[in-house]
Amino acid sequence: FQGRMEFGPRALGNRSLLADPRNASARELLNVKVKHRE
């Protein structure tokens, strides 16, 4: 969470959740345990 918030539906680095792209399990973790979505 940094600086001014983005305008528009995409988080572009100021209101973002970040994870390691090398970790295949990060996708399931974020979808299921953080964002609670499909």
Full PDB file with SEQRES, HELIX, SHEET, SSBOND, CRYST1, ORIGX, SCALE, CONECT and MASTER records, all heavy atoms in Angstrom:
SEQRES   1 A   38  PHE GLN GLY ARG MET GLU PHE GLY PRO ARG ALA LEU GLY          
SEQRES   2 A   38  ASN ARG SER LEU LEU ALA ASP PRO ARG ASN ALA SER ALA          
SEQRES   3 A   38  ARG GLU LEU LEU ASN VAL LYS VAL LYS HIS ARG GLU              
HELIX    1 AA1 SER A   25  LEU A   29  1                                   5    
HELIX    2 AA2 LEU A   30  VAL A   34  3                                   5    
CRYST1    1.000    1.000    1.000  90.00  90.00  90.00 P 1           1          
ORIGX1      1.000000  0.000000  0.000000        0.00000                         
ORIGX2      0.000000  1.000000  0.000000        0.00000                         
ORIGX3      0.000000  0.000000  1.000000        0.00000                         
SCALE1      1.000000  0.000000  0.000000        0.00000                         
SCALE2      0.000000  1.000000  0.000000        0.00000                         
SCALE3      0.000000  0.000000  1.000000        0.00000                         
ATOM      1  N   PHE A   1       0.870  -1.181   0.000  1.00  0.00           N  
ATOM      2  CA  PHE A   1       0.000   0.000   0.000  1.00  0.00           C  
ATOM      3  C   PHE A   1       0.905   1.228   0.000  1.00  0.00           C  
ATOM      4  O   PHE A   1       1.586   1.496   0.983  1.00  0.00           O  
ATOM      5  CB  PHE A   1      -0.870  -0.056   1.260  1.00  0.00           C  
ATOM      6  CG  PHE A   1      -1.867   1.062   1.434  1.00  0.00           C  
ATOM      7  CD1 PHE A   1      -3.229   0.794   1.405  1.00  0.00           C  
ATOM      8  CD2 PHE A   1      -1.475   2.369   1.673  1.00  0.00           C  
ATOM      9  CE1 PHE A   1      -4.167   1.796   1.589  1.00  0.00           C  
ATOM     10  CE2 PHE A   1      -2.397   3.381   1.863  1.00  0.00           C  
ATOM     11  CZ  PHE A   1      -3.746   3.096   1.816  1.00  0.00           C  
ATOM     12  N   GLN A   2       0.911   1.962  -1.128  1.00  0.00           N  
ATOM     13  CA  GLN A   2       1.826   3.092  -1.260  1.00  0.00           C  
ATOM     14  C   GLN A   2       1.153   4.245  -2.010  1.00  0.00           C  
ATOM     15  O   GLN A   2       0.400   4.023  -2.963  1.00  0.00           O  
ATOM     16  CB  GLN A   2       3.079   2.684  -2.040  1.00  0.00           C  
ATOM     17  CG  GLN A   2       3.841   1.504  -1.465  1.00  0.00           C  
ATOM     18  CD  GLN A   2       4.515   1.811  -0.145  1.00  0.00           C  
ATOM     19  OE1 GLN A   2       4.952   2.934   0.096  1.00  0.00           O  
ATOM     20  NE2 GLN A   2       4.598   0.817   0.717  1.00  0.00           N  
ATOM     21  N   GLY A   3       1.442   5.465  -1.609  1.00  0.00           N  
ATOM     22  CA  GLY A   3       1.081   6.649  -2.389  1.00  0.00           C  
ATOM     23  C   GLY A   3      -0.393   6.755  -2.726  1.00  0.00           C  
ATOM     24  O   GLY A   3      -1.274   6.307  -1.978  1.00  0.00           O  
ATOM     25  N   ARG A   4      -0.667   7.346  -3.892  1.00  0.00           N  
ATOM     26  CA  ARG A   4      -2.041   7.593  -4.316  1.00  0.00           C  
ATOM     27  C   ARG A   4      -2.682   6.324  -4.906  1.00  0.00           C  
ATOM     28  O   ARG A   4      -2.034   5.584  -5.638  1.00  0.00           O  
ATOM     29  CB  ARG A   4      -2.096   8.724  -5.348  1.00  0.00           C  
ATOM     30  CG  ARG A   4      -1.628  10.066  -4.810  1.00  0.00           C  
ATOM     31  CD  ARG A   4      -1.794  11.163  -5.846  1.00  0.00           C  
ATOM     32  NE  ARG A   4      -3.207  11.467  -6.101  1.00  0.00           N  
ATOM     33  CZ  ARG A   4      -3.635  12.365  -6.981  1.00  0.00           C  
ATOM     34  NH1 ARG A   4      -2.754  13.036  -7.723  1.00  0.00           N  
ATOM     35  NH2 ARG A   4      -4.929  12.579  -7.143  1.00  0.00           N  
ATOM     36  N   MET A   5      -3.931   6.136  -4.587  1.00  0.00           N  
ATOM     37  CA  MET A   5      -4.678   4.980  -5.080  1.00  0.00           C  
ATOM     38  C   MET A   5      -4.901   5.069  -6.590  1.00  0.00           C  
ATOM     39  O   MET A   5      -5.063   6.150  -7.150  1.00  0.00           O  
ATOM     40  CB  MET A   5      -6.030   4.920  -4.366  1.00  0.00           C  
ATOM     41  CG  MET A   5      -6.890   3.725  -4.712  1.00  0.00           C  
ATOM     42  SD  MET A   5      -8.415   3.702  -3.741  1.00  0.00           S  
ATOM     43  CE  MET A   5      -9.232   5.186  -4.354  1.00  0.00           C  
ATOM     44  N   GLU A   6      -4.940   3.902  -7.242  1.00  0.00           N  
ATOM     45  CA  GLU A   6      -5.169   3.829  -8.673  1.00  0.00           C  
ATOM     46  C   GLU A   6      -6.613   4.212  -9.015  1.00  0.00           C  
ATOM     47  O   GLU A   6      -7.542   3.978  -8.231  1.00  0.00           O  
ATOM     48  CB  GLU A   6      -4.914   2.407  -9.189  1.00  0.00           C  
ATOM     49  CG  GLU A   6      -3.498   1.899  -8.978  1.00  0.00           C  
ATOM     50  CD  GLU A   6      -3.300   1.159  -7.670  1.00  0.00           C  
ATOM     51  OE1 GLU A   6      -4.094   1.382  -6.712  1.00  0.00           O  
ATOM     52  OE2 GLU A   6      -2.336   0.376  -7.575  1.00  0.00           O  
ATOM     53  N   PHE A   7      -6.799   4.770 -10.209  1.00  0.00           N  
ATOM     54  CA  PHE A   7      -8.130   5.007 -10.765  1.00  0.00           C  
ATOM     55  C   PHE A   7      -8.366   3.948 -11.831  1.00  0.00           C  
ATOM     56  O   PHE A   7      -7.601   3.826 -12.794  1.00  0.00           O  
ATOM     57  CB  PHE A   7      -8.222   6.404 -11.379  1.00  0.00           C  
ATOM     58  CG  PHE A   7      -9.580   6.720 -11.956  1.00  0.00           C  
ATOM     59  CD1 PHE A   7     -10.722   6.612 -11.188  1.00  0.00           C  
ATOM     60  CD2 PHE A   7      -9.708   7.151 -13.267  1.00  0.00           C  
ATOM     61  CE1 PHE A   7     -11.973   6.909 -11.711  1.00  0.00           C  
ATOM     62  CE2 PHE A   7     -10.951   7.458 -13.801  1.00  0.00           C  
ATOM     63  CZ  PHE A   7     -12.087   7.337 -13.022  1.00  0.00           C  
ATOM     64  N   GLY A   8      -9.435   3.177 -11.670  1.00  0.00           N  
ATOM     65  CA  GLY A   8      -9.715   2.072 -12.568  1.00  0.00           C  
ATOM     66  C   GLY A   8      -9.745   0.765 -11.799  1.00  0.00           C  
ATOM     67  O   GLY A   8      -9.378   0.713 -10.616  1.00  0.00           O  
ATOM     68  N   PRO A   9     -10.167  -0.320 -12.441  1.00  0.00           N  
ATOM     69  CA  PRO A   9     -10.372  -1.586 -11.738  1.00  0.00           C  
ATOM     70  C   PRO A   9      -9.116  -2.407 -11.496  1.00  0.00           C  
ATOM     71  O   PRO A   9      -9.186  -3.428 -10.817  1.00  0.00           O  
ATOM     72  CB  PRO A   9     -11.326  -2.334 -12.673  1.00  0.00           C  
ATOM     73  CG  PRO A   9     -10.977  -1.818 -14.039  1.00  0.00           C  
ATOM     74  CD  PRO A   9     -10.614  -0.381 -13.847  1.00  0.00           C  
ATOM     75  N   ARG A  10      -7.968  -1.999 -12.039  1.00  0.00           N  
ATOM     76  CA  ARG A  10      -6.738  -2.764 -11.872  1.00  0.00           C  
ATOM     77  C   ARG A  10      -5.869  -2.161 -10.760  1.00  0.00           C  
ATOM     78  O   ARG A  10      -5.702  -0.940 -10.688  1.00  0.00           O  
ATOM     79  CB  ARG A  10      -5.919  -2.777 -13.157  1.00  0.00           C  
ATOM     80  CG  ARG A  10      -6.692  -3.082 -14.424  1.00  0.00           C  
ATOM     81  CD  ARG A  10      -7.059  -4.541 -14.553  1.00  0.00           C  
ATOM     82  NE  ARG A  10      -7.440  -4.857 -15.920  1.00  0.00           N  
ATOM     83  CZ  ARG A  10      -8.488  -5.600 -16.253  1.00  0.00           C  
ATOM     84  NH1 ARG A  10      -9.284  -6.070 -15.318  1.00  0.00           N  
ATOM     85  NH2 ARG A  10      -8.755  -5.872 -17.522  1.00  0.00           N  
ATOM     86  N   ALA A  11      -5.304  -3.038  -9.941  1.00  0.00           N  
ATOM     87  CA  ALA A  11      -4.291  -2.608  -8.979  1.00  0.00           C  
ATOM     88  C   ALA A  11      -2.953  -2.582  -9.707  1.00  0.00           C  
ATOM     89  O   ALA A  11      -2.521  -3.590 -10.259  1.00  0.00           O  
ATOM     90  CB  ALA A  11      -4.229  -3.569  -7.807  1.00  0.00           C  
ATOM     91  N   LEU A  12      -2.323  -1.424  -9.725  1.00  0.00           N  
ATOM     92  CA  LEU A  12      -1.115  -1.233 -10.524  1.00  0.00           C  
ATOM     93  C   LEU A  12       0.101  -0.896  -9.669  1.00  0.00           C  
ATOM     94  O   LEU A  12       0.978  -0.150 -10.069  1.00  0.00           O  
ATOM     95  CB  LEU A  12      -1.368  -0.148 -11.575  1.00  0.00           C  
ATOM     96  CG  LEU A  12      -2.502  -0.448 -12.565  1.00  0.00           C  
ATOM     97  CD1 LEU A  12      -2.792   0.754 -13.459  1.00  0.00           C  
ATOM     98  CD2 LEU A  12      -2.170  -1.679 -13.413  1.00  0.00           C  
ATOM     99  N   GLY A  13       0.125  -1.467  -8.459  1.00  0.00           N  
ATOM    100  CA  GLY A  13       1.320  -1.348  -7.635  1.00  0.00           C  
ATOM    101  C   GLY A  13       1.220  -0.401  -6.464  1.00  0.00           C  
ATOM    102  O   GLY A  13       2.189  -0.254  -5.728  1.00  0.00           O  
ATOM    103  N   ASN A  14       0.052   0.216  -6.247  1.00  0.00           N  
ATOM    104  CA  ASN A  14      -0.114   1.062  -5.069  1.00  0.00           C  
ATOM    105  C   ASN A  14      -1.145   0.517  -4.079  1.00  0.00           C  
ATOM    106  O   ASN A  14      -1.163   0.928  -2.920  1.00  0.00           O  
ATOM    107  CB  ASN A  14      -0.492   2.489  -5.469  1.00  0.00           C  
ATOM    108  CG  ASN A  14       0.709   3.299  -5.901  1.00  0.00           C  
ATOM    109  OD1 ASN A  14       1.798   2.741  -6.098  1.00  0.00           O  
ATOM    110  ND2 ASN A  14       0.549   4.596  -6.049  1.00  0.00           N  
ATOM    111  N   ARG A  15      -2.004  -0.376  -4.537  1.00  0.00           N  
ATOM    112  CA  ARG A  15      -2.953  -1.082  -3.666  1.00  0.00           C  
ATOM    113  C   ARG A  15      -2.980  -2.535  -4.132  1.00  0.00           C  
ATOM    114  O   ARG A  15      -3.965  -3.036  -4.646  1.00  0.00           O  
ATOM    115  CB  ARG A  15      -4.358  -0.470  -3.752  1.00  0.00           C  
ATOM    116  CG  ARG A  15      -4.475   1.002  -3.378  1.00  0.00           C  
ATOM    117  CD  ARG A  15      -4.271   1.240  -1.889  1.00  0.00           C  
ATOM    118  NE  ARG A  15      -4.562   2.627  -1.519  1.00  0.00           N  
ATOM    119  CZ  ARG A  15      -3.718   3.640  -1.625  1.00  0.00           C  
ATOM    120  NH1 ARG A  15      -2.510   3.432  -2.139  1.00  0.00           N  
ATOM    121  NH2 ARG A  15      -4.048   4.853  -1.239  1.00  0.00           N  
ATOM    122  N   SER A  16      -1.856  -3.221  -3.926  1.00  0.00           N  
ATOM    123  CA  SER A  16      -1.650  -4.549  -4.523  1.00  0.00           C  
ATOM    124  C   SER A  16      -1.339  -5.621  -3.492  1.00  0.00           C  
ATOM    125  O   SER A  16      -0.765  -5.336  -2.433  1.00  0.00           O  
ATOM    126  CB  SER A  16      -0.493  -4.497  -5.526  1.00  0.00           C  
ATOM    127  OG  SER A  16      -0.822  -3.759  -6.677  1.00  0.00           O  
ATOM    128  N   LEU A  17      -1.725  -6.854  -3.809  1.00  0.00           N  
ATOM    129  CA  LEU A  17      -1.233  -8.044  -3.128  1.00  0.00           C  
ATOM    130  C   LEU A  17      -0.189  -8.685  -4.027  1.00  0.00           C  
ATOM    131  O   LEU A  17      -0.450  -8.909  -5.217  1.00  0.00           O  
ATOM    132  CB  LEU A  17      -2.367  -9.038  -2.870  1.00  0.00           C  
ATOM    133  CG  LEU A  17      -3.474  -8.596  -1.916  1.00  0.00           C  
ATOM    134  CD1 LEU A  17      -4.555  -9.668  -1.826  1.00  0.00           C  
ATOM    135  CD2 LEU A  17      -2.915  -8.303  -0.527  1.00  0.00           C  
ATOM    136  N   LEU A  18       0.969  -8.993  -3.470  1.00  0.00           N  
ATOM    137  CA  LEU A  18       2.106  -9.468  -4.257  1.00  0.00           C  
ATOM    138  C   LEU A  18       2.564 -10.830  -3.763  1.00  0.00           C  
ATOM    139  O   LEU A  18       2.537 -11.116  -2.560  1.00  0.00           O  
ATOM    140  CB  LEU A  18       3.258  -8.470  -4.169  1.00  0.00           C  
ATOM    141  CG  LEU A  18       2.916  -7.006  -4.500  1.00  0.00           C  
ATOM    142  CD1 LEU A  18       4.131  -6.114  -4.252  1.00  0.00           C  
ATOM    143  CD2 LEU A  18       2.414  -6.872  -5.929  1.00  0.00           C  
ATOM    144  N   ALA A  19       2.984 -11.669  -4.721  1.00  0.00           N  
ATOM    145  CA  ALA A  19       3.470 -13.008  -4.379  1.00  0.00           C  
ATOM    146  C   ALA A  19       4.520 -13.435  -5.389  1.00  0.00           C  
ATOM    147  O   ALA A  19       4.744 -12.771  -6.405  1.00  0.00           O  
ATOM    148  CB  ALA A  19       2.311 -13.998  -4.320  1.00  0.00           C  
ATOM    149  N   ASP A  20       5.142 -14.577  -5.111  1.00  0.00           N  
ATOM    150  CA  ASP A  20       6.230 -15.107  -5.942  1.00  0.00           C  
ATOM    151  C   ASP A  20       5.644 -15.805  -7.174  1.00  0.00           C  
ATOM    152  O   ASP A  20       4.920 -16.802  -7.041  1.00  0.00           O  
ATOM    153  CB  ASP A  20       7.046 -16.101  -5.116  1.00  0.00           C  
ATOM    154  CG  ASP A  20       8.330 -16.544  -5.803  1.00  0.00           C  
ATOM    155  OD1 ASP A  20       8.440 -16.394  -7.036  1.00  0.00           O  
ATOM    156  OD2 ASP A  20       9.227 -17.044  -5.091  1.00  0.00           O  
ATOM    157  N   PRO A  21       5.939 -15.334  -8.380  1.00  0.00           N  
ATOM    158  CA  PRO A  21       5.379 -15.966  -9.582  1.00  0.00           C  
ATOM    159  C   PRO A  21       5.955 -17.347  -9.855  1.00  0.00           C  
ATOM    160  O   PRO A  21       5.406 -18.098 -10.660  1.00  0.00           O  
ATOM    161  CB  PRO A  21       5.761 -14.983 -10.691  1.00  0.00           C  
ATOM    162  CG  PRO A  21       7.019 -14.342 -10.205  1.00  0.00           C  
ATOM    163  CD  PRO A  21       6.835 -14.206  -8.718  1.00  0.00           C  
ATOM    164  N   ARG A  22       7.049 -17.695  -9.208  1.00  0.00           N  
ATOM    165  CA  ARG A  22       7.681 -19.016  -9.407  1.00  0.00           C  
ATOM    166  C   ARG A  22       6.931 -20.119  -8.676  1.00  0.00           C  
ATOM    167  O   ARG A  22       7.110 -21.295  -8.972  1.00  0.00           O  
ATOM    168  CB  ARG A  22       9.128 -18.975  -8.900  1.00  0.00           C  
ATOM    169  CG  ARG A  22      10.009 -17.922  -9.537  1.00  0.00           C  
ATOM    170  CD  ARG A  22      11.346 -17.828  -8.798  1.00  0.00           C  
ATOM    171  NE  ARG A  22      11.164 -17.480  -7.395  1.00  0.00           N  
ATOM    172  CZ  ARG A  22      12.106 -17.603  -6.462  1.00  0.00           C  
ATOM    173  NH1 ARG A  22      13.301 -18.084  -6.793  1.00  0.00           N  
ATOM    174  NH2 ARG A  22      11.855 -17.260  -5.208  1.00  0.00           N  
ATOM    175  N   ASN A  23       6.110 -19.739  -7.716  1.00  0.00           N  
ATOM    176  CA  ASN A  23       5.443 -20.689  -6.830  1.00  0.00           C  
ATOM    177  C   ASN A  23       4.057 -21.033  -7.380  1.00  0.00           C  
ATOM    178  O   ASN A  23       3.114 -20.240  -7.265  1.00  0.00           O  
ATOM    179  CB  ASN A  23       5.329 -20.079  -5.429  1.00  0.00           C  
ATOM    180  CG  ASN A  23       4.664 -21.011  -4.442  1.00  0.00           C  
ATOM    181  OD1 ASN A  23       4.332 -22.151  -4.762  1.00  0.00           O  
ATOM    182  ND2 ASN A  23       4.450 -20.515  -3.228  1.00  0.00           N  
ATOM    183  N   ALA A  24       3.903 -22.209  -7.960  1.00  0.00           N  
ATOM    184  CA  ALA A  24       2.632 -22.598  -8.575  1.00  0.00           C  
ATOM    185  C   ALA A  24       1.492 -22.623  -7.571  1.00  0.00           C  
ATOM    186  O   ALA A  24       0.337 -22.372  -7.928  1.00  0.00           O  
ATOM    187  CB  ALA A  24       2.776 -23.964  -9.241  1.00  0.00           C  
ATOM    188  N   SER A  25       1.786 -22.905  -6.317  1.00  0.00           N  
ATOM    189  CA  SER A  25       0.728 -22.985  -5.307  1.00  0.00           C  
ATOM    190  C   SER A  25       0.237 -21.613  -4.855  1.00  0.00           C  
ATOM    191  O   SER A  25      -0.785 -21.511  -4.176  1.00  0.00           O  
ATOM    192  CB  SER A  25       1.220 -23.779  -4.094  1.00  0.00           C  
ATOM    193  OG  SER A  25       2.291 -23.101  -3.459  1.00  0.00           O  
ATOM    194  N   ALA A  26       0.958 -20.553  -5.237  1.00  0.00           N  
ATOM    195  CA  ALA A  26       0.536 -19.205  -4.830  1.00  0.00           C  
ATOM    196  C   ALA A  26      -0.834 -18.862  -5.388  1.00  0.00           C  
ATOM    197  O   ALA A  26      -1.627 -18.170  -4.741  1.00  0.00           O  
ATOM    198  CB  ALA A  26       1.571 -18.178  -5.293  1.00  0.00           C  
ATOM    199  N   ARG A  27      -1.119 -19.358  -6.579  1.00  0.00           N  
ATOM    200  CA  ARG A  27      -2.412 -19.061  -7.206  1.00  0.00           C  
ATOM    201  C   ARG A  27      -3.574 -19.618  -6.380  1.00  0.00           C  
ATOM    202  O   ARG A  27      -4.545 -18.921  -6.103  1.00  0.00           O  
ATOM    203  CB  ARG A  27      -2.426 -19.641  -8.617  1.00  0.00           C  
ATOM    204  CG  ARG A  27      -3.720 -19.444  -9.370  1.00  0.00           C  
ATOM    205  CD  ARG A  27      -3.487 -19.760 -10.822  1.00  0.00           C  
ATOM    206  NE  ARG A  27      -4.725 -19.998 -11.534  1.00  0.00           N  
ATOM    207  CZ  ARG A  27      -4.823 -20.119 -12.838  1.00  0.00           C  
ATOM    208  NH1 ARG A  27      -3.736 -20.034 -13.578  1.00  0.00           N  
ATOM    209  NH2 ARG A  27      -5.977 -20.329 -13.414  1.00  0.00           N  
ATOM    210  N   GLU A  28      -3.462 -20.877  -5.979  1.00  0.00           N  
ATOM    211  CA  GLU A  28      -4.528 -21.485  -5.172  1.00  0.00           C  
ATOM    212  C   GLU A  28      -4.632 -20.798  -3.820  1.00  0.00           C  
ATOM    213  O   GLU A  28      -5.741 -20.527  -3.336  1.00  0.00           O  
ATOM    214  CB  GLU A  28      -4.251 -22.979  -4.979  1.00  0.00           C  
ATOM    215  CG  GLU A  28      -5.329 -23.674  -4.150  1.00  0.00           C  
ATOM    216  CD  GLU A  28      -5.039 -25.149  -3.923  1.00  0.00           C  
ATOM    217  OE1 GLU A  28      -4.009 -25.636  -4.427  1.00  0.00           O  
ATOM    218  OE2 GLU A  28      -5.834 -25.809  -3.233  1.00  0.00           O  
ATOM    219  N   LEU A  29      -3.497 -20.495  -3.194  1.00  0.00           N  
ATOM    220  CA  LEU A  29      -3.502 -19.822  -1.899  1.00  0.00           C  
ATOM    221  C   LEU A  29      -4.242 -18.490  -1.980  1.00  0.00           C  
ATOM    222  O   LEU A  29      -5.117 -18.191  -1.150  1.00  0.00           O  
ATOM    223  CB  LEU A  29      -2.069 -19.597  -1.417  1.00  0.00           C  
ATOM    224  CG  LEU A  29      -1.913 -18.698  -0.179  1.00  0.00           C  
ATOM    225  CD1 LEU A  29      -2.538 -19.356   1.031  1.00  0.00           C  
ATOM    226  CD2 LEU A  29      -0.444 -18.372   0.079  1.00  0.00           C  
ATOM    227  N   LEU A  30      -3.913 -17.684  -2.995  1.00  0.00           N  
ATOM    228  CA  LEU A  30      -4.539 -16.372  -3.112  1.00  0.00           C  
ATOM    229  C   LEU A  30      -6.024 -16.485  -3.439  1.00  0.00           C  
ATOM    230  O   LEU A  30      -6.851 -15.764  -2.866  1.00  0.00           O  
ATOM    231  CB  LEU A  30      -3.819 -15.556  -4.190  1.00  0.00           C  
ATOM    232  CG  LEU A  30      -2.503 -14.925  -3.752  1.00  0.00           C  
ATOM    233  CD1 LEU A  30      -1.683 -14.516  -4.961  1.00  0.00           C  
ATOM    234  CD2 LEU A  30      -2.757 -13.721  -2.856  1.00  0.00           C  
ATOM    235  N   ASN A  31      -6.377 -17.371  -4.345  1.00  0.00           N  
ATOM    236  CA  ASN A  31      -7.780 -17.501  -4.731  1.00  0.00           C  
ATOM    237  C   ASN A  31      -8.649 -18.017  -3.590  1.00  0.00           C  
ATOM    238  O   ASN A  31      -9.745 -17.511  -3.358  1.00  0.00           O  
ATOM    239  CB  ASN A  31      -7.919 -18.436  -5.939  1.00  0.00           C  
ATOM    240  CG  ASN A  31      -7.790 -17.699  -7.256  1.00  0.00           C  
ATOM    241  OD1 ASN A  31      -8.151 -16.540  -7.375  1.00  0.00           O  
ATOM    242  ND2 ASN A  31      -7.274 -18.386  -8.267  1.00  0.00           N  
ATOM    243  N   VAL A  32      -8.147 -19.009  -2.871  1.00  0.00           N  
ATOM    244  CA  VAL A  32      -8.977 -19.707  -1.896  1.00  0.00           C  
ATOM    245  C   VAL A  32      -8.901 -19.072  -0.507  1.00  0.00           C  
ATOM    246  O   VAL A  32      -9.927 -18.839   0.147  1.00  0.00           O  
ATOM    247  CB  VAL A  32      -8.587 -21.203  -1.825  1.00  0.00           C  
ATOM    248  CG1 VAL A  32      -9.401 -21.925  -0.744  1.00  0.00           C  
ATOM    249  CG2 VAL A  32      -8.802 -21.858  -3.173  1.00  0.00           C  
ATOM    250  N   LYS A  33      -7.685 -18.751  -0.044  1.00  0.00           N  
ATOM    251  CA  LYS A  33      -7.520 -18.339   1.343  1.00  0.00           C  
ATOM    252  C   LYS A  33      -7.445 -16.825   1.543  1.00  0.00           C  
ATOM    253  O   LYS A  33      -7.600 -16.348   2.659  1.00  0.00           O  
ATOM    254  CB  LYS A  33      -6.266 -18.996   1.931  1.00  0.00           C  
ATOM    255  CG  LYS A  33      -6.367 -20.519   2.010  1.00  0.00           C  
ATOM    256  CD  LYS A  33      -5.165 -21.120   2.717  1.00  0.00           C  
ATOM    257  CE  LYS A  33      -5.316 -22.632   2.825  1.00  0.00           C  
ATOM    258  NZ  LYS A  33      -4.156 -23.241   3.521  1.00  0.00           N  
ATOM    259  N   VAL A  34      -7.185 -16.091   0.470  1.00  0.00           N  
ATOM    260  CA  VAL A  34      -7.083 -14.642   0.604  1.00  0.00           C  
ATOM    261  C   VAL A  34      -8.276 -13.956  -0.059  1.00  0.00           C  
ATOM    262  O   VAL A  34      -9.001 -13.190   0.574  1.00  0.00           O  
ATOM    263  CB  VAL A  34      -5.758 -14.117   0.015  1.00  0.00           C  
ATOM    264  CG1 VAL A  34      -5.720 -12.592   0.072  1.00  0.00           C  
ATOM    265  CG2 VAL A  34      -4.574 -14.694   0.783  1.00  0.00           C  
ATOM    266  N   LYS A  35      -8.509 -14.242  -1.329  1.00  0.00           N  
ATOM    267  CA  LYS A  35      -9.536 -13.530  -2.086  1.00  0.00           C  
ATOM    268  C   LYS A  35     -10.883 -14.252  -2.095  1.00  0.00           C  
ATOM    269  O   LYS A  35     -11.888 -13.688  -2.515  1.00  0.00           O  
ATOM    270  CB  LYS A  35      -9.060 -13.276  -3.518  1.00  0.00           C  
ATOM    271  CG  LYS A  35      -7.692 -12.607  -3.524  1.00  0.00           C  
ATOM    272  CD  LYS A  35      -7.368 -11.736  -4.661  1.00  0.00           C  
ATOM    273  CE  LYS A  35      -8.358 -10.772  -5.146  1.00  0.00           C  
ATOM    274  NZ  LYS A  35      -7.792  -9.433  -5.420  1.00  0.00           N  
ATOM    275  N   HIS A  36     -10.890 -15.510  -1.626  1.00  0.00           N  
ATOM    276  CA  HIS A  36     -12.132 -16.276  -1.497  1.00  0.00           C  
ATOM    277  C   HIS A  36     -12.949 -16.245  -2.780  1.00  0.00           C  
ATOM    278  O   HIS A  36     -14.099 -15.808  -2.818  1.00  0.00           O  
ATOM    279  CB  HIS A  36     -12.952 -15.752  -0.309  1.00  0.00           C  
ATOM    280  CG  HIS A  36     -12.196 -15.795   0.979  1.00  0.00           C  
ATOM    281  ND1 HIS A  36     -11.666 -14.668   1.583  1.00  0.00           N  
ATOM    282  CD2 HIS A  36     -11.840 -16.837   1.770  1.00  0.00           C  
ATOM    283  CE1 HIS A  36     -11.039 -15.009   2.699  1.00  0.00           C  
ATOM    284  NE2 HIS A  36     -11.131 -16.310   2.833  1.00  0.00           N  
ATOM    285  N   ARG A  37     -12.328 -16.740  -3.856  1.00  0.00           N  
ATOM    286  CA  ARG A  37     -12.979 -16.721  -5.161  1.00  0.00           C  
ATOM    287  C   ARG A  37     -12.642 -18.006  -5.912  1.00  0.00           C  
ATOM    288  O   ARG A  37     -11.932 -18.877  -5.387  1.00  0.00           O  
ATOM    289  CB  ARG A  37     -12.535 -15.500  -5.958  1.00  0.00           C  
ATOM    290  CG  ARG A  37     -11.071 -15.488  -6.342  1.00  0.00           C  
ATOM    291  CD  ARG A  37     -10.660 -14.203  -7.032  1.00  0.00           C  
ATOM    292  NE  ARG A  37      -9.406 -14.368  -7.760  1.00  0.00           N  
ATOM    293  CZ  ARG A  37      -8.805 -13.405  -8.456  1.00  0.00           C  
ATOM    294  NH1 ARG A  37      -9.350 -12.204  -8.506  1.00  0.00           N  
ATOM    295  NH2 ARG A  37      -7.682 -13.636  -9.099  1.00  0.00           N  
ATOM    296  N   GLU A  38     -13.141 -18.142  -7.125  1.00  0.00           N  
ATOM    297  CA  GLU A  38     -13.000 -19.363  -7.895  1.00  0.00           C  
ATOM    298  C   GLU A  38     -11.523 -19.677  -8.197  1.00  0.00           C  
ATOM    299  O   GLU A  38     -10.737 -18.789  -8.489  1.00  0.00           O  
ATOM    300  CB  GLU A  38     -13.775 -19.249  -9.215  1.00  0.00           C  
ATOM    301  CG  GLU A  38     -15.264 -19.055  -9.042  1.00  0.00           C  
ATOM    302  CD  GLU A  38     -15.653 -17.606  -8.784  1.00  0.00           C  
ATOM    303  OE1 GLU A  38     -14.756 -16.735  -8.785  1.00  0.00           O  
ATOM    304  OE2 GLU A  38     -16.848 -17.353  -8.569  1.00  0.00           O  
TER     305      GLU A  38                                                      
MASTER        0    0    0    2    0    0    0    6  304    1    0    3          
END                                                                             
